[in-house]
C-alpha atoms as a PDB file:
ATOM      1  CA  UNK A   1      57.005 -21.046  16.493  1.00  0.00           C
ATOM      2  CA  UNK A   2      59.649 -23.559  17.504  1.00  0.00           C
ATOM      3  CA  UNK A   3      58.359 -26.949  18.630  1.00  0.00           C
ATOM      4  CA  UNK A   4      60.024 -29.859  20.336  1.00  0.00           C
ATOM      5  CA  UNK A   5      59.809 -31.724  17.051  1.00  0.00           C
ATOM      6  CA  UNK A   6      61.796 -29.176  15.022  1.00  0.00           C
ATOM      7  CA  UNK A   7      65.040 -31.141  15.466  1.00  0.00           C
ATOM      8  CA  UNK A   8      63.511 -34.339  14.097  1.00  0.00           C
ATOM      9  CA  UNK A   9      64.061 -35.429  10.511  1.00  0.00           C
ATOM     10  CA  UNK A  10      60.852 -34.568   8.616  1.00  0.00           C
ATOM     11  CA  UNK A  11      61.119 -37.696   6.453  1.00  0.00           C
ATOM     12  CA  UNK A  12      61.945 -40.055   9.315  1.00  0.00           C
ATOM     13  CA  UNK A  13      59.759 -42.894  10.516  1.00  0.00           C
ATOM     14  CA  UNK A  14      59.160 -41.483  13.992  1.00  0.00           C
ATOM     15  CA  UNK A  15      58.184 -38.077  12.659  1.00  0.00           C
ATOM     16  CA  UNK A  16      55.700 -39.628  10.223  1.00  0.00           C
ATOM     17  CA  UNK A  17      54.231 -41.871  12.937  1.00  0.00           C
ATOM     18  CA  UNK A  18      53.932 -38.975  15.372  1.00  0.00           C
ATOM     19  CA  UNK A  19      52.234 -36.828  12.738  1.00  0.00           C
ATOM     20  CA  UNK A  20      49.799 -39.635  11.955  1.00  0.00           C
ATOM     21  CA  UNK A  21      48.720 -39.895  15.597  1.00  0.00           C
ATOM     22  CA  UNK A  22      48.601 -36.135  16.179  1.00  0.00           C
ATOM     23  CA  UNK A  23      46.514 -35.553  13.056  1.00  0.00           C
ATOM     24  CA  UNK A  24      44.284 -38.495  13.888  1.00  0.00           C
ATOM     25  CA  UNK A  25      43.524 -37.302  17.413  1.00  0.00           C
ATOM     26  CA  UNK A  26      43.074 -33.723  16.226  1.00  0.00           C
ATOM     27  CA  UNK A  27      40.463 -34.689  13.614  1.00  0.00           C
ATOM     28  CA  UNK A  28      38.487 -37.058  15.843  1.00  0.00           C
ATOM     29  CA  UNK A  29      34.862 -36.354  16.674  1.00  0.00           C
ATOM     30  CA  UNK A  30      33.276 -39.555  17.974  1.00  0.00           C
ATOM     31  CA  UNK A  31      36.665 -40.939  18.949  1.00  0.00           C
ATOM     32  CA  UNK A  32      37.170 -38.275  21.595  1.00  0.00           C
ATOM     33  CA  UNK A  33      34.011 -39.382  23.360  1.00  0.00           C
ATOM     34  CA  UNK A  34      35.099 -42.998  23.144  1.00  0.00           C
ATOM     35  CA  UNK A  35      38.556 -42.196  24.556  1.00  0.00           C
ATOM     36  CA  UNK A  36      36.905 -40.230  27.368  1.00  0.00           C
ATOM     37  CA  UNK A  37      34.691 -43.229  28.112  1.00  0.00           C
ATOM     38  CA  UNK A  38      37.707 -45.549  28.113  1.00  0.00           C
ATOM     39  CA  UNK A  39      39.634 -43.272  30.509  1.00  0.00           C
ATOM     40  CA  UNK A  40      36.638 -42.999  32.847  1.00  0.00           C
ATOM     41  CA  UNK A  41      36.222 -46.782  32.884  1.00  0.00           C
ATOM     42  CA  UNK A  42      39.935 -47.276  33.614  1.00  0.00           C
ATOM     43  CA  UNK A  43      39.754 -44.771  36.455  1.00  0.00           C
ATOM     44  CA  UNK A  44      36.786 -46.618  37.914  1.00  0.00           C
ATOM     45  CA  UNK A  45      38.500 -49.975  37.573  1.00  0.00           C
ATOM     46  CA  UNK A  46      41.825 -48.985  39.066  1.00  0.00           C
ATOM     47  CA  UNK A  47      40.844 -46.396  41.644  1.00  0.00           C
ATOM     48  CA  UNK A  48      37.482 -47.490  42.972  1.00  0.00           C
ATOM     49  CA  UNK A  49      37.458 -51.257  42.514  1.00  0.00           C
ATOM     50  CA  UNK A  50      41.036 -51.675  43.716  1.00  0.00           C
ATOM     51  CA  UNK A  51      40.330 -49.669  46.844  1.00  0.00           C
ATOM     52  CA  UNK A  52      37.233 -51.580  47.894  1.00  0.00           C
ATOM     53  CA  UNK A  53      37.735 -55.106  46.582  1.00  0.00           C
ATOM     54  CA  UNK A  54      41.488 -55.626  46.805  1.00  0.00           C
ATOM     55  CA  UNK A  55      42.688 -54.538  50.248  1.00  0.00           C
ATOM     56  CA  UNK A  56      46.357 -54.525  51.152  1.00  0.00           C
ATOM     57  CA  UNK A  57      46.412 -57.733  53.188  1.00  0.00           C
ATOM     58  CA  UNK A  58      50.169 -57.733  53.750  1.00  0.00           C
ATOM     59  CA  UNK A  59      50.059 -54.230  55.189  1.00  0.00           C
ATOM     60  CA  UNK A  60      47.142 -55.140  57.476  1.00  0.00           C
ATOM     61  CA  UNK A  61      48.525 -58.461  58.739  1.00  0.00           C
ATOM     62  CA  UNK A  62      52.237 -57.682  59.135  1.00  0.00           C
ATOM     63  CA  UNK A  63      54.014 -54.826  60.879  1.00  0.00           C
ATOM     64  CA  UNK A  64      57.219 -54.390  58.892  1.00  0.00           C
ATOM     65  CA  UNK A  65      58.793 -55.217  55.533  1.00  0.00           C
ATOM     66  CA  UNK A  66      60.792 -58.175  56.828  1.00  0.00           C
ATOM     67  CA  UNK A  67      57.641 -59.959  58.029  1.00  0.00           C
ATOM     68  CA  UNK A  68      55.881 -59.185  54.736  1.00  0.00           C
ATOM     69  CA  UNK A  69      58.835 -60.529  52.727  1.00  0.00           C
ATOM     70  CA  UNK A  70      58.915 -63.717  54.795  1.00  0.00           C
ATOM     71  CA  UNK A  71      55.170 -64.219  54.283  1.00  0.00           C
ATOM     72  CA  UNK A  72      55.557 -63.853  50.526  1.00  0.00           C
ATOM     73  CA  UNK A  73      58.539 -66.223  50.460  1.00  0.00           C
ATOM     74  CA  UNK A  74      56.658 -68.916  52.367  1.00  0.00           C
ATOM     75  CA  UNK A  75      53.617 -68.509  50.134  1.00  0.00           C
ATOM     76  CA  UNK A  76      55.674 -68.848  46.939  1.00  0.00           C
ATOM     77  CA  UNK A  77      57.968 -71.706  47.893  1.00  0.00           C
ATOM     78  CA  UNK A  78      56.510 -75.204  47.549  1.00  0.00           C
ATOM     79  CA  UNK A  79      55.890 -77.151  50.722  1.00  0.00           C
ATOM     80  CA  UNK A  80      57.123 -80.747  50.864  1.00  0.00           C
END
């Protein structure tokens, strides 16, 4: 069976590092559950919380990109 890694040098750093991670993930038991928990928490944080608690204010308040860009410029530049 030919793999995508067959062209890599077997003694090279990247091949050894890749093998370490592949073997580590393959032999995990508790770690798989922990990684699943981490991925679920990230999905909740980025998909659900972002949707409900961080609305797109620029899109709601301004009609086009030029108005949005001007609003950002005025917010970032110091007022004298």
